[in-house]
Amino acid sequence: MITLRDLVALLEEKRYLKGIFVPDGAVIESYFDVEIHDCCHNSKKVTRGSLFACIKGSKFDGHEYSQDACRNGACVILADRPVKADVPYIVVDSVRDVLGEVASAIWGRPSEKLIMVAVTGTNGKTTTTYMVRSILEEAGIKTGLLGTVIYDDGKNISEASRTTPEASDIQRLLANMIKNDCKACVMEASSHGIAQGRLNGCNYDVAIFTNLTPEHLDYHGDMQSYFKTKSTLFTSFMKKGETGFVVNGDDEYGRKLIDKYRDRVISFTMKELVPGGKEYLRALIKKMDLLGTPVEVKSSIEKYDGIVVNIPIIGEYNVANALGAIGAAALLGIDANFVVNGINSMGDVPGRLEKYMFKNGPTAVIDYAHTPDALEKALGALRKICNGKLWVIFGLGGNRYQANRPIMGEVASKMADRVIITSDNPRNEDPYQIAMQIKEGADRIGGVPIDIILDRKEAVFSALDSAAENDIVLIAGKGPERNIIYADKVIPYNDGEAVEEWGTLRGREKWS
């Protein structure tokens, strides 16, 4: 909680304040002791004593809802321009730019009271956050989680609406974590979240960089701009003092970060040649199968050198994700035994190479892979452990980076034995046209059967009905998502539920 006087002082100090206005006939000073208890950007969620932030989005402009917010109990309005309001309103150059700091101040700057770990990169963010949380929880550190799958404040778990929530929601969730006895928070830092100011007001102890491959270029324009946005995490959002970075030394852009921040970096690698950095972690994979991957860690960090972790998730890239999590633990001074037990005891990450193994039947694997790099890695991981045919079912979302569509088709045809192209979230595009753009790339490679089945559940049933006992069916693109989004409707659907339904209807028993 802060008073309006404190808020005005903060905005003046940061040189954000353009003006403060009060209802006709009122005196500004009479409002200075008004207490602000919450911060909302959705007028429907405003309660008495809230500040309402007028954010202009692609579909809605919060300035048009200022009076609704007042009726719901808002005591202050934050805006980019004059609005109609029965309470004081403050005008700043950009509400988005200041909202995070304002919300942080209202909630008592919660990120300064928590151990904060951020994970950024194109792929691997979700799995890495789950690994870090598992290690911290094993060490007795209650940890909240914000990411693509869920928001967990230590007491309440809700499905995530986006990878990085709006700034006002982040600060409220962090404050709730403290209230619920959390001592740490692990969160995904998306490029959109960074670019749109949603991380403003957050400061981190550790930042992890997983990798960078082409994605969201319809938003960022090119890879250099995409990397520049991601790099902002390391330049603008770290706490003062002893903070550090954990960076993938096998990634082209990761090596740029290592070169720039060498004395603050623990680098990790899957290769023989150890990249630079203050310290390093290297993985030696012992074996790999559907049950997981035992790995020996070689490190310049004495207490971690030689430890063996049994990663219960498939795939070499998940070994890299584990190294990122281990590096974060090292920076936080976590005992190696907690690291080993934390990795060993974690379960499947929802929608990340999530396994459904049927007795006397195929294995279905659900993964969020929706970029060429992610699909290639998922198929590559499964190819190494597949004793039969490797199937892949996938589509791509509408109103997203179209150049990836034929490339994804090429990847699927190169690496799978059977390809079924289906719908993802078509949004405002024709799902058949999206499928044909994917098929165009698949046809360039050729050599494998390619089907188009736009009904996603039908595609899943068709593949599982046709697949043999040792086959693996990868269902890619949606992971734990619970809807398919069309231009005029949203259809409830979840890949995991479709697989479970198939097993029930076909009388197939799963391995526990």
Protein backbone atom coordinates (compact mmCIF):
# COMPACT_ATOMS: atom_id res chain seq x y z
CA MET A 1 0.00 0.00 0.00
CA ILE A 2 1.15 3.55 -0.75
CA THR A 3 -0.53 6.93 -0.64
CA LEU A 4 -1.22 9.11 -3.64
CA ARG A 5 1.41 11.50 -2.24
CA ASP A 6 4.04 8.73 -2.35
CA LEU A 7 3.04 7.74 -5.87
CA VAL A 8 3.29 11.29 -7.18
CA ALA A 9 6.70 11.64 -5.51
CA LEU A 10 7.89 8.43 -7.18
CA LEU A 11 6.72 9.53 -10.61
CA GLU A 12 8.30 12.96 -10.17
CA GLU A 13 11.60 11.42 -9.07
CA LYS A 14 11.64 9.18 -12.17
CA ARG A 15 10.53 12.13 -14.36
CA TYR A 16 7.49 10.20 -15.54
CA LEU A 17 4.85 12.65 -14.30
CA LYS A 18 3.18 14.89 -16.88
CA GLY A 19 0.26 16.02 -14.75
CA ILE A 20 -2.22 15.18 -12.02
CA PHE A 21 -5.87 16.15 -12.32
CA VAL A 22 -8.81 16.04 -9.93
CA PRO A 23 -12.60 16.32 -10.35
CA ASP A 24 -13.97 19.82 -10.90
CA GLY A 25 -14.09 21.90 -7.75
CA ALA A 26 -11.73 19.62 -5.82
CA VAL A 27 -8.32 20.47 -4.38
CA ILE A 28 -5.40 18.19 -5.24
CA GLU A 29 -3.98 18.28 -1.72
CA SER A 30 -7.18 16.83 -0.29
CA TYR A 31 -6.47 13.57 -2.11
CA PHE A 32 -2.80 13.14 -1.16
CA ASP A 33 -3.55 10.83 1.79
CA VAL A 34 -5.68 8.48 -0.31
CA GLU A 35 -4.36 4.94 0.17
CA ILE A 36 -3.78 2.73 -2.87
CA HIS A 37 -4.04 -0.98 -2.06
CA ASP A 38 -3.98 -2.65 -5.48
CA CYS A 39 -3.18 -2.03 -9.13
CA CYS A 40 -5.28 -3.36 -12.03
CA HIS A 41 -5.30 -3.02 -15.81
CA ASN A 42 -8.70 -4.71 -16.21
CA SER A 43 -11.63 -2.56 -15.06
CA LYS A 44 -13.65 -5.70 -14.22
CA LYS A 45 -11.06 -6.73 -11.63
CA VAL A 46 -10.89 -3.35 -9.91
CA THR A 47 -11.84 -3.32 -6.24
CA ARG A 48 -12.16 -0.45 -3.75
CA GLY A 49 -8.81 1.24 -3.23
CA SER A 50 -7.30 0.16 -6.55
CA LEU A 51 -5.30 2.15 -9.05
CA PHE A 52 -6.64 1.53 -12.55
CA ALA A 53 -4.01 1.59 -15.30
CA CYS A 54 -5.32 2.55 -18.74
CA ILE A 55 -3.37 0.33 -21.14
CA LYS A 56 -3.98 0.63 -24.85
CA GLY A 57 -3.82 -2.83 -26.42
CA SER A 58 -4.43 -4.25 -29.88
CA LYS A 59 -8.12 -4.89 -29.14
CA PHE A 60 -9.09 -2.67 -26.21
CA ASP A 61 -8.10 0.75 -24.94
CA GLY A 62 -8.22 1.01 -21.15
CA HIS A 63 -8.85 4.77 -21.36
CA GLU A 64 -12.37 3.97 -22.54
CA TYR A 65 -13.08 2.06 -19.30
CA SER A 66 -11.97 4.67 -16.76
CA GLN A 67 -15.51 5.40 -15.60
CA ASP A 68 -16.25 1.67 -15.22
CA ALA A 69 -13.15 1.43 -13.05
CA CYS A 70 -14.35 4.34 -10.91
CA ARG A 71 -17.73 2.67 -10.40
CA ASN A 72 -15.93 -0.51 -9.28
CA GLY A 73 -13.98 1.38 -6.63
CA ALA A 74 -10.84 2.74 -8.28
CA CYS A 75 -9.34 5.57 -6.23
CA VAL A 76 -6.76 6.72 -8.81
CA ILE A 77 -6.48 6.44 -12.59
CA LEU A 78 -3.14 6.18 -14.44
CA ALA A 79 -3.38 7.27 -18.07
CA ASP A 80 -1.50 8.40 -21.17
CA ARG A 81 -4.03 11.17 -21.85
CA PRO A 82 -7.00 12.95 -20.20
CA VAL A 83 -9.89 10.66 -19.22
CA LYS A 84 -13.34 10.95 -17.68
CA ALA A 85 -13.05 10.12 -14.01
CA ASP A 86 -14.64 10.91 -10.66
CA VAL A 87 -11.30 10.43 -8.92
CA PRO A 88 -7.81 11.88 -9.43
CA TYR A 89 -6.06 10.78 -12.58
CA ILE A 90 -2.35 10.92 -13.34
CA VAL A 91 -1.00 11.41 -16.85
CA VAL A 92 2.35 9.95 -17.89
CA ASP A 93 4.04 9.52 -21.27
CA SER A 94 3.46 5.75 -21.33
CA VAL A 95 1.42 3.74 -18.84
CA ARG A 96 3.10 0.54 -20.06
CA ASP A 97 6.54 1.94 -19.26
CA VAL A 98 5.70 2.92 -15.69
CA LEU A 99 3.10 0.33 -14.68
CA GLY A 100 5.59 -2.23 -13.38
CA GLU A 101 7.37 0.23 -11.14
CA VAL A 102 4.07 1.67 -9.92
CA ALA A 103 2.67 -1.77 -9.13
CA SER A 104 5.93 -2.79 -7.46
CA ALA A 105 5.76 0.28 -5.20
CA ILE A 106 2.12 -0.40 -4.32
CA TRP A 107 2.95 -3.98 -3.33
CA GLY A 108 6.08 -3.08 -1.37
CA ARG A 109 8.68 -4.01 -4.02
CA PRO A 110 8.23 -7.78 -3.62
CA SER A 111 11.02 -8.85 -6.00
CA GLU A 112 13.54 -7.35 -3.58
CA LYS A 113 12.27 -9.70 -0.85
CA LEU A 114 12.43 -12.91 -2.91
CA ILE A 115 15.20 -14.93 -4.51
CA MET A 116 14.38 -14.17 -8.15
CA VAL A 117 15.38 -16.43 -11.06
CA ALA A 118 14.46 -15.55 -14.66
CA VAL A 119 14.75 -17.89 -17.64
CA THR A 120 14.80 -16.49 -21.16
CA GLY A 121 15.42 -17.94 -24.63
CA THR A 122 13.36 -19.36 -27.48
CA ASN A 123 13.05 -22.96 -26.29
CA GLY A 124 13.46 -24.70 -22.96
CA LYS A 125 12.20 -21.94 -20.66
CA THR A 126 9.34 -23.91 -19.14
CA THR A 127 11.30 -27.09 -18.47
CA THR A 128 14.19 -25.13 -16.98
CA THR A 129 11.89 -23.25 -14.59
CA TYR A 130 10.35 -26.51 -13.38
CA MET A 131 13.85 -27.93 -12.82
CA VAL A 132 15.02 -24.87 -10.88
CA ARG A 133 11.89 -24.95 -8.73
CA SER A 134 12.33 -28.66 -8.00
CA ILE A 135 15.92 -28.05 -6.84
CA LEU A 136 14.96 -25.10 -4.63
CA GLU A 137 12.02 -26.96 -3.11
CA GLU A 138 14.32 -29.91 -2.37
CA ALA A 139 16.58 -27.46 -0.55
CA GLY A 140 13.64 -26.37 1.60
CA ILE A 141 13.05 -23.10 -0.24
CA LYS A 142 9.36 -22.70 -1.02
CA THR A 143 9.22 -21.38 -4.57
CA GLY A 144 6.56 -19.72 -6.70
CA LEU A 145 6.40 -20.20 -10.47
CA LEU A 146 5.27 -17.96 -13.34
CA GLY A 147 5.38 -19.29 -16.88
CA THR A 148 3.69 -20.63 -19.97
CA VAL A 149 1.82 -23.45 -18.22
CA ILE A 150 0.82 -22.16 -14.77
CA TYR A 151 1.03 -19.31 -12.28
CA ASP A 152 1.71 -20.72 -8.80
CA ASP A 153 1.84 -18.22 -5.92
CA GLY A 154 2.56 -20.84 -3.28
CA LYS A 155 -1.08 -21.41 -2.47
CA ASN A 156 -3.16 -20.99 -5.62
CA ILE A 157 -2.35 -22.49 -9.02
CA SER A 158 -4.02 -21.11 -12.14
CA GLU A 159 -3.61 -21.83 -15.84
CA ALA A 160 -1.36 -19.26 -17.47
CA SER A 161 -2.96 -16.90 -19.97
CA ARG A 162 0.44 -15.89 -21.39
CA THR A 163 4.08 -16.71 -20.69
CA THR A 164 4.83 -13.42 -18.93
CA PRO A 165 1.77 -11.81 -17.27
CA GLU A 166 1.00 -8.09 -17.35
CA ALA A 167 3.19 -6.03 -15.01
CA SER A 168 0.42 -5.33 -12.49
CA ASP A 169 -0.42 -9.05 -12.29
CA ILE A 170 3.24 -10.02 -11.84
CA GLN A 171 3.68 -7.71 -8.86
CA ARG A 172 0.46 -8.93 -7.24
CA LEU A 173 1.53 -12.56 -7.73
CA LEU A 174 4.96 -11.84 -6.25
CA ALA A 175 3.34 -10.16 -3.25
CA ASN A 176 1.05 -13.17 -2.83
CA MET A 177 4.09 -15.47 -2.90
CA ILE A 178 5.55 -13.58 0.05
CA LYS A 179 2.20 -13.72 1.85
CA ASN A 180 2.14 -17.50 1.21
CA ASP A 181 5.63 -18.00 2.71
CA CYS A 182 7.53 -18.38 -0.56
CA LYS A 183 11.17 -17.41 -0.37
CA ALA A 184 11.85 -17.58 -4.12
CA CYS A 185 10.22 -17.14 -7.52
CA VAL A 186 11.25 -18.74 -10.80
CA MET A 187 9.73 -17.23 -13.91
CA GLU A 188 9.91 -17.29 -17.69
CA ALA A 189 10.89 -14.01 -19.32
CA SER A 190 9.45 -13.85 -22.82
CA SER A 191 10.64 -11.40 -25.45
CA HIS A 192 7.15 -9.90 -25.66
CA GLY A 193 7.10 -9.49 -21.89
CA ILE A 194 10.45 -7.70 -21.95
CA ALA A 195 9.61 -5.48 -24.95
CA GLN A 196 6.20 -4.49 -23.59
CA GLY A 197 7.47 -3.54 -20.15
CA ARG A 198 5.80 -6.37 -18.25
CA LEU A 199 9.01 -7.13 -16.35
CA ASN A 200 9.40 -3.53 -15.19
CA GLY A 201 9.51 -3.47 -11.41
CA CYS A 202 11.24 -6.88 -11.25
CA ASN A 203 14.87 -7.36 -10.28
CA TYR A 204 16.59 -10.75 -10.47
CA ASP A 205 19.38 -12.57 -8.67
CA VAL A 206 20.00 -15.05 -11.51
CA ALA A 207 19.19 -14.97 -15.22
CA ILE A 208 19.39 -18.09 -17.43
CA PHE A 209 19.73 -17.99 -21.23
CA THR A 210 18.71 -21.23 -22.99
CA ASN A 211 19.09 -20.52 -26.73
CA LEU A 212 17.85 -18.29 -29.54
CA THR A 213 16.28 -19.52 -32.78
CA PRO A 214 13.91 -17.81 -35.25
CA GLU A 215 10.55 -17.09 -33.62
CA HIS A 216 8.34 -14.01 -33.19
CA LEU A 217 10.17 -12.35 -36.09
CA ASP A 218 6.80 -11.00 -37.23
CA TYR A 219 7.02 -8.92 -34.03
CA HIS A 220 10.76 -8.27 -33.67
CA GLY A 221 11.65 -7.99 -37.36
CA ASP A 222 14.96 -9.87 -37.38
CA MET A 223 17.21 -11.98 -35.20
CA GLN A 224 19.38 -9.07 -34.08
CA SER A 225 16.37 -7.17 -32.76
CA TYR A 226 15.06 -10.35 -31.15
CA PHE A 227 18.42 -10.90 -29.43
CA LYS A 228 18.65 -7.27 -28.37
CA THR A 229 15.29 -7.57 -26.65
CA LYS A 230 16.30 -10.78 -24.86
CA SER A 231 19.61 -9.18 -23.84
CA THR A 232 17.75 -6.43 -22.02
CA LEU A 233 17.08 -8.94 -19.24
CA PHE A 234 20.80 -9.01 -18.49
CA THR A 235 21.35 -5.26 -18.72
CA SER A 236 18.27 -3.76 -17.06
CA PHE A 237 16.63 -6.23 -14.67
CA MET A 238 19.31 -7.51 -12.33
CA LYS A 239 19.63 -6.64 -8.65
CA LYS A 240 22.59 -4.62 -7.47
CA GLY A 241 25.47 -6.61 -6.04
CA GLU A 242 26.18 -10.34 -6.40
CA THR A 243 24.08 -11.43 -9.35
CA GLY A 244 25.01 -13.86 -12.08
CA PHE A 245 24.13 -15.38 -15.41
CA VAL A 246 23.89 -18.98 -16.62
CA VAL A 247 24.34 -19.15 -20.39
CA ASN A 248 24.25 -21.87 -23.06
CA GLY A 249 27.75 -21.87 -24.57
CA ASP A 250 26.62 -24.10 -27.46
CA ASP A 251 24.34 -21.36 -28.79
CA GLU A 252 25.61 -18.65 -31.14
CA TYR A 253 23.86 -15.89 -29.23
CA GLY A 254 24.73 -17.41 -25.89
CA ARG A 255 28.41 -17.08 -26.77
CA LYS A 256 27.88 -13.37 -27.38
CA LEU A 257 26.52 -13.02 -23.85
CA ILE A 258 29.44 -15.00 -22.46
CA ASP A 259 31.92 -12.74 -24.23
CA LYS A 260 30.19 -9.65 -22.87
CA TYR A 261 29.66 -10.78 -19.26
CA ARG A 262 32.50 -13.27 -18.87
CA ASP A 263 33.22 -12.62 -15.17
CA ARG A 264 29.57 -13.08 -14.17
CA VAL A 265 28.74 -16.17 -16.24
CA ILE A 266 28.51 -19.89 -15.58
CA SER A 267 28.48 -21.37 -19.08
CA PHE A 268 27.15 -24.83 -19.91
CA THR A 269 27.85 -27.14 -22.83
CA MET A 270 27.05 -30.53 -24.29
CA LYS A 271 30.34 -30.58 -26.19
CA GLU A 272 33.98 -31.37 -25.45
CA LEU A 273 35.19 -27.82 -25.96
CA VAL A 274 34.34 -25.81 -22.87
CA PRO A 275 33.12 -22.26 -23.62
CA GLY A 276 34.36 -19.24 -21.72
CA GLY A 277 32.89 -17.76 -18.58
CA LYS A 278 33.86 -17.59 -14.93
CA GLU A 279 32.85 -21.26 -14.39
CA TYR A 280 31.50 -24.05 -16.59
CA LEU A 281 29.25 -27.13 -16.54
CA ARG A 282 29.51 -29.98 -19.07
CA ALA A 283 27.27 -33.02 -19.47
CA LEU A 284 28.33 -36.61 -20.19
CA ILE A 285 25.23 -38.62 -21.13
CA LYS A 286 25.37 -42.22 -19.89
CA LYS A 287 22.34 -43.54 -21.79
CA MET A 288 18.92 -42.44 -23.00
CA ASP A 289 15.55 -44.18 -23.22
CA LEU A 290 11.86 -43.49 -22.64
CA LEU A 291 12.38 -43.61 -18.89
CA GLY A 292 14.93 -40.79 -18.82
CA THR A 293 18.59 -39.83 -19.06
CA PRO A 294 21.36 -40.41 -16.50
CA VAL A 295 24.05 -37.73 -16.83
CA GLU A 296 27.43 -37.13 -15.22
CA VAL A 297 28.26 -33.46 -14.72
CA LYS A 298 31.83 -32.26 -15.23
CA SER A 299 32.46 -28.81 -13.81
CA SER A 300 35.03 -26.26 -12.71
CA ILE A 301 32.78 -25.84 -9.65
CA GLU A 302 34.36 -28.37 -7.29
CA LYS A 303 31.24 -29.37 -5.35
CA TYR A 304 29.36 -30.12 -8.57
CA ASP A 305 32.14 -31.89 -10.47
CA GLY A 306 31.30 -35.58 -10.90
CA ILE A 307 27.71 -35.51 -9.64
CA VAL A 308 25.31 -37.82 -11.48
CA VAL A 309 21.71 -36.75 -12.09
CA ASN A 310 18.96 -38.97 -13.49
CA ILE A 311 16.90 -36.60 -15.63
CA PRO A 312 13.42 -38.14 -15.91
CA ILE A 313 12.72 -36.34 -19.19
CA ILE A 314 13.67 -37.43 -22.72
CA GLY A 315 16.07 -35.54 -24.94
CA GLU A 316 19.57 -34.10 -25.12
CA TYR A 317 18.18 -30.58 -25.07
CA ASN A 318 16.58 -31.35 -21.72
CA VAL A 319 20.05 -32.27 -20.50
CA ALA A 320 21.05 -28.74 -21.53
CA ASN A 321 18.03 -27.37 -19.66
CA ALA A 322 19.15 -29.31 -16.59
CA LEU A 323 22.63 -27.78 -16.83
CA GLY A 324 21.00 -24.33 -16.88
CA ALA A 325 19.05 -25.19 -13.73
CA ILE A 326 22.17 -26.61 -12.04
CA GLY A 327 24.07 -23.42 -12.89
CA ALA A 328 21.37 -21.35 -11.21
CA ALA A 329 21.64 -23.56 -8.13
CA ALA A 330 25.40 -23.04 -8.10
CA LEU A 331 25.01 -19.26 -8.19
CA LEU A 332 22.55 -19.47 -5.30
CA GLY A 333 24.89 -21.69 -3.26
CA ILE A 334 22.63 -24.75 -3.19
CA ASP A 335 24.22 -27.96 -1.89
CA ALA A 336 24.98 -30.55 -4.59
CA ASN A 337 22.86 -33.23 -2.86
CA PHE A 338 19.79 -31.04 -3.17
CA VAL A 339 20.59 -30.52 -6.85
CA VAL A 340 20.81 -34.27 -7.50
CA ASN A 341 17.64 -35.09 -5.56
CA GLY A 342 15.75 -32.14 -7.03
CA ILE A 343 16.45 -33.22 -10.60
CA ASN A 344 15.91 -36.93 -9.90
CA SER A 345 12.53 -36.44 -8.23
CA MET A 346 10.88 -34.07 -10.69
CA GLY A 347 8.10 -35.50 -12.82
CA ASP A 348 7.05 -34.78 -16.38
CA VAL A 349 6.68 -31.13 -17.29
CA PRO A 350 3.17 -30.60 -18.73
CA GLY A 351 3.32 -30.66 -22.52
CA ARG A 352 7.12 -31.03 -22.72
CA LEU A 353 7.90 -34.48 -24.14
CA GLU A 354 5.14 -35.73 -21.88
CA LYS A 355 4.88 -39.51 -22.24
CA TYR A 356 1.79 -41.75 -22.48
CA MET A 357 3.10 -45.33 -22.70
CA PHE A 358 0.49 -47.98 -23.56
CA LYS A 359 0.94 -51.70 -22.90
CA ASN A 360 1.08 -53.63 -26.17
CA GLY A 361 0.62 -50.37 -28.03
CA PRO A 362 2.37 -47.22 -29.20
CA THR A 363 3.78 -44.47 -27.02
CA ALA A 364 2.27 -41.01 -27.45
CA VAL A 365 4.47 -38.03 -26.63
CA ILE A 366 3.04 -34.52 -26.29
CA ASP A 367 5.33 -31.55 -26.80
CA TYR A 368 4.88 -27.81 -27.17
CA ALA A 369 7.37 -27.69 -30.10
CA HIS A 370 6.03 -25.05 -32.47
CA THR A 371 9.21 -23.77 -34.15
CA PRO A 372 11.49 -25.56 -36.63
CA ASP A 373 14.30 -25.81 -34.09
CA ALA A 374 12.04 -27.15 -31.34
CA LEU A 375 10.39 -29.70 -33.67
CA GLU A 376 13.78 -30.87 -34.95
CA LYS A 377 15.05 -31.33 -31.39
CA ALA A 378 11.94 -33.18 -30.26
CA LEU A 379 12.00 -35.54 -33.25
CA GLY A 380 15.76 -36.00 -32.89
CA ALA A 381 15.39 -36.95 -29.23
CA LEU A 382 12.66 -39.47 -30.00
CA ARG A 383 14.47 -40.93 -33.02
CA LYS A 384 17.34 -42.03 -30.76
CA ILE A 385 15.04 -44.12 -28.56
CA CYS A 386 12.40 -45.24 -31.07
CA ASN A 387 12.46 -48.96 -31.92
CA GLY A 388 9.64 -48.71 -34.45
CA LYS A 389 8.25 -45.98 -36.67
CA LEU A 390 8.28 -42.34 -35.60
CA TRP A 391 5.07 -40.44 -36.29
CA VAL A 392 4.48 -36.72 -35.97
CA ILE A 393 1.19 -34.82 -35.81
CA PHE A 394 1.38 -31.02 -35.88
CA GLY A 395 -0.01 -27.79 -37.29
CA LEU A 396 0.89 -24.13 -36.92
CA GLY A 397 -0.97 -21.14 -35.55
CA GLY A 398 -2.59 -18.53 -37.77
CA ASN A 399 -1.54 -14.87 -37.68
CA ARG A 400 1.99 -15.91 -36.76
CA TYR A 401 5.37 -16.03 -38.54
CA GLN A 402 4.45 -17.68 -41.87
CA ALA A 403 8.00 -18.37 -43.05
CA ASN A 404 8.25 -21.20 -40.51
CA ARG A 405 5.45 -23.22 -42.12
CA PRO A 406 7.28 -24.85 -45.06
CA ILE A 407 10.41 -25.19 -42.91
CA MET A 408 8.42 -27.15 -40.32
CA GLY A 409 7.15 -29.37 -43.14
CA GLU A 410 10.72 -30.03 -44.25
CA VAL A 411 11.81 -30.90 -40.71
CA ALA A 412 8.91 -33.33 -40.30
CA SER A 413 9.58 -35.10 -43.62
CA LYS A 414 13.32 -35.39 -42.92
CA MET A 415 12.99 -36.82 -39.44
CA ALA A 416 9.70 -38.74 -39.15
CA ASP A 417 8.43 -41.91 -40.84
CA ARG A 418 4.81 -40.72 -40.99
CA VAL A 419 3.51 -37.13 -41.01
CA ILE A 420 -0.02 -35.93 -40.25
CA ILE A 421 -0.64 -32.20 -40.67
CA THR A 422 -3.53 -30.88 -38.59
CA SER A 423 -4.88 -27.66 -37.06
CA ASP A 424 -3.26 -25.71 -34.26
CA ASN A 425 -4.80 -22.28 -33.52
CA PRO A 426 -5.88 -21.04 -36.98
CA ARG A 427 -7.21 -17.76 -35.59
CA ASN A 428 -8.18 -15.58 -38.56
CA GLU A 429 -6.60 -17.79 -41.22
CA ASP A 430 -7.94 -20.75 -43.19
CA PRO A 431 -6.59 -23.90 -41.47
CA TYR A 432 -6.43 -25.74 -44.80
CA GLN A 433 -4.25 -23.03 -46.33
CA ILE A 434 -1.91 -23.20 -43.34
CA ALA A 435 -1.73 -26.97 -43.74
CA MET A 436 -0.95 -26.65 -47.46
CA GLN A 437 1.89 -24.21 -46.73
CA ILE A 438 3.35 -26.77 -44.32
CA LYS A 439 2.84 -29.56 -46.88
CA GLU A 440 4.67 -27.52 -49.51
CA GLY A 441 7.84 -27.84 -47.46
CA ALA A 442 7.20 -31.50 -46.65
CA ASP A 443 6.74 -32.30 -50.34
CA ARG A 444 10.12 -30.77 -51.14
CA ILE A 445 11.72 -33.53 -49.08
CA GLY A 446 9.26 -36.31 -49.90
CA GLY A 447 9.81 -39.99 -49.20
CA VAL A 448 7.34 -40.34 -46.33
CA PRO A 449 3.54 -40.60 -46.28
CA ILE A 450 1.90 -37.23 -45.54
CA ASP A 451 -1.76 -36.83 -44.58
CA ILE A 452 -3.83 -33.77 -43.80
CA ILE A 453 -6.47 -34.30 -41.10
CA LEU A 454 -7.64 -30.90 -39.91
CA ASP A 455 -9.71 -32.19 -36.98
CA ARG A 456 -6.96 -32.51 -34.36
CA LYS A 457 -8.62 -35.20 -32.25
CA GLU A 458 -9.36 -37.22 -35.38
CA ALA A 459 -5.69 -36.87 -36.36
CA VAL A 460 -4.57 -38.16 -32.96
CA PHE A 461 -6.98 -41.10 -33.06
CA SER A 462 -5.99 -41.97 -36.63
CA ALA A 463 -2.27 -42.08 -35.80
CA LEU A 464 -2.68 -44.07 -32.58
CA ASP A 465 -5.03 -46.55 -34.30
CA SER A 466 -2.48 -47.13 -37.06
CA ALA A 467 0.74 -47.07 -35.01
CA ALA A 468 2.35 -50.37 -33.97
CA GLU A 469 3.56 -51.50 -30.53
CA ASN A 470 7.08 -50.02 -30.73
CA ASP A 471 6.06 -46.86 -32.59
CA ILE A 472 6.22 -43.39 -31.05
CA VAL A 473 3.63 -40.75 -31.99
CA LEU A 474 4.76 -37.17 -31.35
CA ILE A 475 1.84 -34.74 -31.02
CA ALA A 476 3.48 -31.33 -31.34
CA GLY A 477 2.63 -27.66 -31.13
CA LYS A 478 0.07 -27.18 -28.36
CA GLY A 479 1.53 -28.88 -25.31
CA PRO A 480 -0.78 -28.27 -22.32
CA GLU A 481 -3.04 -25.75 -24.11
CA ARG A 482 -6.73 -26.38 -23.49
CA ASN A 483 -8.38 -24.71 -26.51
CA ILE A 484 -8.19 -24.38 -30.28
CA ILE A 485 -8.72 -20.77 -31.34
CA TYR A 486 -10.62 -19.99 -34.54
CA ALA A 487 -11.65 -16.60 -35.91
CA ASP A 488 -15.20 -16.89 -34.61
CA LYS A 489 -15.01 -19.47 -31.83
CA VAL A 490 -12.86 -21.20 -29.25
CA ILE A 491 -13.18 -24.99 -29.04
CA PRO A 492 -12.19 -26.80 -25.82
CA TYR A 493 -9.45 -29.28 -26.67
CA ASN A 494 -6.33 -30.74 -25.01
CA ASP A 495 -3.85 -33.18 -26.59
CA GLY A 496 -3.38 -35.12 -23.34
CA GLU A 497 -7.13 -35.55 -22.89
CA ALA A 498 -7.43 -36.75 -26.50
CA VAL A 499 -4.76 -39.40 -25.90
CA GLU A 500 -6.40 -40.49 -22.64
CA GLU A 501 -9.79 -40.69 -24.37
CA TRP A 502 -8.29 -42.84 -27.14
CA GLY A 503 -6.82 -45.21 -24.56
CA THR A 504 -10.14 -45.52 -22.73
CA LEU A 505 -12.21 -46.07 -25.87
CA ARG A 506 -9.76 -48.61 -27.26
CA GLY A 507 -9.33 -50.40 -23.93
CA ARG A 508 -5.57 -49.73 -23.83
CA GLU A 509 -3.84 -49.86 -20.44
CA LYS A 510 -1.00 -47.46 -19.72
CA TRP A 511 2.30 -48.26 -18.08
CA SER A 512 2.45 -46.52 -14.70
